[in-house]
Amino acid sequence: MKVFGTQIYAAVQSGKLKEPFDAAMVKRACPGWSDRTYHTFLSKHAVGNPDDNTPLFVRVGRGLYRLNVRMSKA
């Protein structure tokens, strides 16, 4: 899934994906993944996720996310 996270970061950096974004916006910007991936990846990799996955995103509203600036500088 590292590839998917990298695609999302690249889409934001290029301006193809605007923040805050939701699963449908990510699907348009980064096509080719299963529908379920778009709906689960963001929450599974948000700051404070219960499984302690890499926090790539910050939840800013129900279903809305931004890149985690701390991770992009790492």
C-alpha atoms as a PDB file:
ATOM      1  CA  MET A   1       0.000   0.000   0.000  1.00  0.00           C
ATOM      2  CA  LYS A   2       3.024   2.284   0.121  1.00  0.00           C
ATOM      3  CA  VAL A   3       2.501   2.902  -3.599  1.00  0.00           C
ATOM      4  CA  PHE A   4      -1.041   4.145  -3.006  1.00  0.00           C
ATOM      5  CA  GLY A   5       0.041   6.565  -0.284  1.00  0.00           C
ATOM      6  CA  THR A   6       2.801   7.861  -2.540  1.00  0.00           C
ATOM      7  CA  GLN A   7       0.285   8.388  -5.362  1.00  0.00           C
ATOM      8  CA  ILE A   8      -1.968  10.423  -3.083  1.00  0.00           C
ATOM      9  CA  TYR A   9       0.945  12.593  -1.935  1.00  0.00           C
ATOM     10  CA  ALA A  10       2.042  13.140  -5.545  1.00  0.00           C
ATOM     11  CA  ALA A  11      -1.499  14.044  -6.613  1.00  0.00           C
ATOM     12  CA  VAL A  12      -1.714  16.698  -3.892  1.00  0.00           C
ATOM     13  CA  GLN A  13       1.750  18.064  -4.668  1.00  0.00           C
ATOM     14  CA  SER A  14       0.943  18.329  -8.392  1.00  0.00           C
ATOM     15  CA  GLY A  15      -2.389  20.063  -7.751  1.00  0.00           C
ATOM     16  CA  LYS A  16      -4.376  17.152  -9.201  1.00  0.00           C
ATOM     17  CA  LEU A  17      -5.928  16.522  -5.771  1.00  0.00           C
ATOM     18  CA  LYS A  18      -7.068  19.465  -3.660  1.00  0.00           C
ATOM     19  CA  GLU A  19      -7.164  19.442   0.138  1.00  0.00           C
ATOM     20  CA  PRO A  20      -9.218  18.617   2.021  1.00  0.00           C
ATOM     21  CA  PHE A  21     -10.088  15.499   0.033  1.00  0.00           C
ATOM     22  CA  ASP A  22     -12.425  12.556   0.428  1.00  0.00           C
ATOM     23  CA  ALA A  23     -12.384   9.024  -0.971  1.00  0.00           C
ATOM     24  CA  ALA A  24     -14.243   9.974  -4.168  1.00  0.00           C
ATOM     25  CA  MET A  25     -11.761  12.747  -4.919  1.00  0.00           C
ATOM     26  CA  VAL A  26      -8.837  10.381  -4.353  1.00  0.00           C
ATOM     27  CA  LYS A  27     -10.464   7.843  -6.685  1.00  0.00           C
ATOM     28  CA  ARG A  28     -10.643  10.434  -9.475  1.00  0.00           C
ATOM     29  CA  ALA A  29      -7.056  11.573  -8.914  1.00  0.00           C
ATOM     30  CA  CYS A  30      -5.553   8.094  -8.397  1.00  0.00           C
ATOM     31  CA  PRO A  31      -7.614   5.586 -10.406  1.00  0.00           C
ATOM     32  CA  GLY A  32      -7.029   1.858 -10.604  1.00  0.00           C
ATOM     33  CA  TRP A  33      -7.551   0.681  -7.029  1.00  0.00           C
ATOM     34  CA  SER A  34     -10.514  -1.260  -5.636  1.00  0.00           C
ATOM     35  CA  ASP A  35     -13.462   0.766  -4.366  1.00  0.00           C
ATOM     36  CA  ARG A  36     -12.898  -0.565  -0.875  1.00  0.00           C
ATOM     37  CA  THR A  37      -9.308   0.706  -0.869  1.00  0.00           C
ATOM     38  CA  TYR A  38     -10.454   4.288  -1.394  1.00  0.00           C
ATOM     39  CA  HIS A  39     -12.878   4.067   1.497  1.00  0.00           C
ATOM     40  CA  THR A  40     -10.599   2.365   4.013  1.00  0.00           C
ATOM     41  CA  PHE A  41      -7.068   3.579   3.303  1.00  0.00           C
ATOM     42  CA  LEU A  42      -7.640   7.171   4.414  1.00  0.00           C
ATOM     43  CA  SER A  43      -9.094   6.302   7.811  1.00  0.00           C
ATOM     44  CA  LYS A  44      -6.632   3.471   8.400  1.00  0.00           C
ATOM     45  CA  HIS A  45      -3.775   5.915   7.885  1.00  0.00           C
ATOM     46  CA  ALA A  46      -5.157   8.947   9.710  1.00  0.00           C
ATOM     47  CA  VAL A  47      -3.526  10.397  12.823  1.00  0.00           C
ATOM     48  CA  GLY A  48      -4.812   8.525  15.866  1.00  0.00           C
ATOM     49  CA  ASN A  49      -5.873   5.379  14.010  1.00  0.00           C
ATOM     50  CA  PRO A  50      -6.477   2.482  16.426  1.00  0.00           C
ATOM     51  CA  ASP A  51      -4.075   0.063  14.674  1.00  0.00           C
ATOM     52  CA  ASP A  52      -1.116   2.453  14.914  1.00  0.00           C
ATOM     53  CA  ASN A  53      -0.655   2.479  11.115  1.00  0.00           C
ATOM     54  CA  THR A  54       1.588   5.153   9.626  1.00  0.00           C
ATOM     55  CA  PRO A  55      -0.293   8.477  10.076  1.00  0.00           C
ATOM     56  CA  LEU A  56      -0.213   9.817   6.511  1.00  0.00           C
ATOM     57  CA  PHE A  57      -3.349  11.961   6.844  1.00  0.00           C
ATOM     58  CA  VAL A  58      -5.113  14.262   9.287  1.00  0.00           C
ATOM     59  CA  ARG A  59      -8.895  13.968   9.548  1.00  0.00           C
ATOM     60  CA  VAL A  60     -10.404  17.461   9.297  1.00  0.00           C
ATOM     61  CA  GLY A  61     -14.068  16.469   9.125  1.00  0.00           C
ATOM     62  CA  ARG A  62     -16.267  13.467   8.533  1.00  0.00           C
ATOM     63  CA  GLY A  63     -14.658  11.713   5.576  1.00  0.00           C
ATOM     64  CA  LEU A  64     -12.344  14.665   4.839  1.00  0.00           C
ATOM     65  CA  TYR A  65      -8.559  14.525   5.073  1.00  0.00           C
ATOM     66  CA  ARG A  66      -5.401  16.543   4.526  1.00  0.00           C
ATOM     67  CA  LEU A  67      -1.841  15.326   4.216  1.00  0.00           C
ATOM     68  CA  ASN A  68      -0.053  14.970   7.520  1.00  0.00           C
ATOM     69  CA  VAL A  69       2.572  17.700   7.150  1.00  0.00           C
ATOM     70  CA  ARG A  70       4.797  15.988   9.715  1.00  0.00           C
ATOM     71  CA  MET A  71       4.978  12.857   7.548  1.00  0.00           C
ATOM     72  CA  SER A  72       5.695  14.757   4.339  1.00  0.00           C
ATOM     73  CA  LYS A  73       8.783  16.308   5.957  1.00  0.00           C
ATOM     74  CA  ALA A  74      10.115  12.940   7.145  1.00  0.00           C
END
